[in-house]
Structures are given as C-alpha cells and as structure tokens.
C-alpha cells in the first residue's frame, strides 16, 4: 500500500499511526491524545476497507481490530 491514498487517507500513515498507538498500550493506558488518534484511525479504516482487496484487506482488518481493542482497553482503564 506504499504510496497509495484511498479516500484521502495515506495508507502508510494510517498503518503507522495505528501501530504506534497500539504499541503504546503495551506500556500502559493510552493518554487522551493517542486515544483520539485511534478513534480517528478507526473511522478512517472503516471508510477505506471496502475499497481494499486481497491480503491488504486482511492486514487492515487486523489493524482495525487492534485499534479497537486498544481503545476498549483504554476505556476499561478509565473506569
């Protein structure tokens, strides 16, 4: 997906943003900034997924699932 932009989303940047935030959750709860970034990324992934096929689709589905889990864990820690 290098160099591809789908519906205004840079696919490499989307990948990097999600991965960076997810890695941060391994060290502890997300701060509000990273949580907001993940929520924006989740919306972006949902927007582009229908336009992706093959193994890239599977990859971005996994990214979406990891982002959703990280947000969920952050919500649980906030309670």
Protein backbone atom coordinates (compact mmCIF):
# COMPACT_ATOMS: atom_id res chain seq x y z
CA UNK A 1 0.00 0.00 0.00
CA UNK A 2 3.09 2.22 -0.08
CA UNK A 3 2.33 5.43 -1.91
CA UNK A 4 -1.42 4.75 -2.03
CA UNK A 5 -4.06 7.12 -0.87
CA UNK A 6 -7.64 5.89 -0.63
CA UNK A 7 -10.50 8.30 0.01
CA UNK A 8 -7.98 10.89 1.17
CA UNK A 9 -6.23 8.54 3.59
CA UNK A 10 -2.50 7.85 3.25
CA UNK A 11 -2.38 4.12 3.86
CA UNK A 12 1.18 4.01 5.23
CA UNK A 13 0.47 6.86 7.62
CA UNK A 14 -2.72 5.16 8.77
CA UNK A 15 -0.76 1.96 9.40
CA UNK A 16 1.96 3.82 11.32
CA UNK A 17 -0.47 5.81 13.44
CA UNK A 18 -2.39 2.72 14.48
CA UNK A 19 0.74 0.67 15.13
CA UNK A 20 2.32 3.43 17.23
CA UNK A 21 -0.73 3.85 19.42
CA UNK A 22 -1.24 0.11 19.82
CA UNK A 23 2.39 -0.33 20.89
CA UNK A 24 1.87 2.44 23.45
CA UNK A 25 -0.96 0.44 25.04
CA UNK A 26 1.50 -2.33 25.79
CA UNK A 27 3.23 0.06 28.20
CA UNK A 28 0.08 1.25 29.91
CA UNK A 29 -3.17 3.11 29.36
CA UNK A 30 -3.45 5.42 26.39
CA UNK A 31 -3.31 9.11 27.00
CA UNK A 32 -6.19 11.18 25.65
CA UNK A 33 -4.22 12.30 22.58
CA UNK A 34 -3.44 8.74 21.44
CA UNK A 35 -6.98 7.63 22.21
CA UNK A 36 -8.33 10.38 19.94
CA UNK A 37 -5.83 9.43 17.23
CA UNK A 38 -7.01 5.81 17.41
CA UNK A 39 -10.65 6.80 17.19
CA UNK A 40 -9.89 8.86 14.07
CA UNK A 41 -7.90 5.96 12.64
CA UNK A 42 -10.74 3.55 13.29
CA UNK A 43 -13.10 5.80 11.36
CA UNK A 44 -10.57 6.07 8.53
CA UNK A 45 -10.06 2.31 8.32
CA UNK A 46 -13.80 1.72 8.20
CA UNK A 47 -14.02 4.25 5.36
CA UNK A 48 -11.25 2.66 3.24
CA UNK A 49 -11.78 -1.06 3.90
CA UNK A 50 -14.48 -1.52 1.25
CA UNK A 51 -12.01 -0.22 -1.36
CA UNK A 52 -9.21 -2.64 -0.42
CA UNK A 53 -8.97 -6.23 -1.57
CA UNK A 54 -6.77 -9.27 -1.11
CA UNK A 55 -4.13 -9.60 1.57
CA UNK A 56 -4.09 -5.82 2.13
CA UNK A 57 -7.73 -6.03 3.19
CA UNK A 58 -6.88 -8.70 5.77
CA UNK A 59 -3.95 -6.64 7.02
CA UNK A 60 -6.04 -3.50 7.52
CA UNK A 61 -8.82 -5.54 9.15
CA UNK A 62 -6.24 -6.74 11.69
CA UNK A 63 -5.07 -3.17 12.23
CA UNK A 64 -8.68 -2.11 12.80
CA UNK A 65 -9.19 -4.92 15.31
CA UNK A 66 -6.01 -4.00 17.20
CA UNK A 67 -7.01 -0.33 17.30
CA UNK A 68 -10.49 -1.20 18.56
CA UNK A 69 -9.03 -3.41 21.27
CA UNK A 70 -6.58 -0.70 22.35
CA UNK A 71 -9.43 1.83 22.63
CA UNK A 72 -11.52 -0.70 24.54
CA UNK A 73 -8.68 -1.38 26.96
CA UNK A 74 -8.23 2.36 27.44
CA UNK A 75 -11.93 2.73 28.21
CA UNK A 76 -11.73 -0.09 30.74
CA UNK A 77 -8.72 1.53 32.45
CA UNK A 78 -10.58 4.84 32.68
CA UNK A 79 -13.38 3.26 34.72
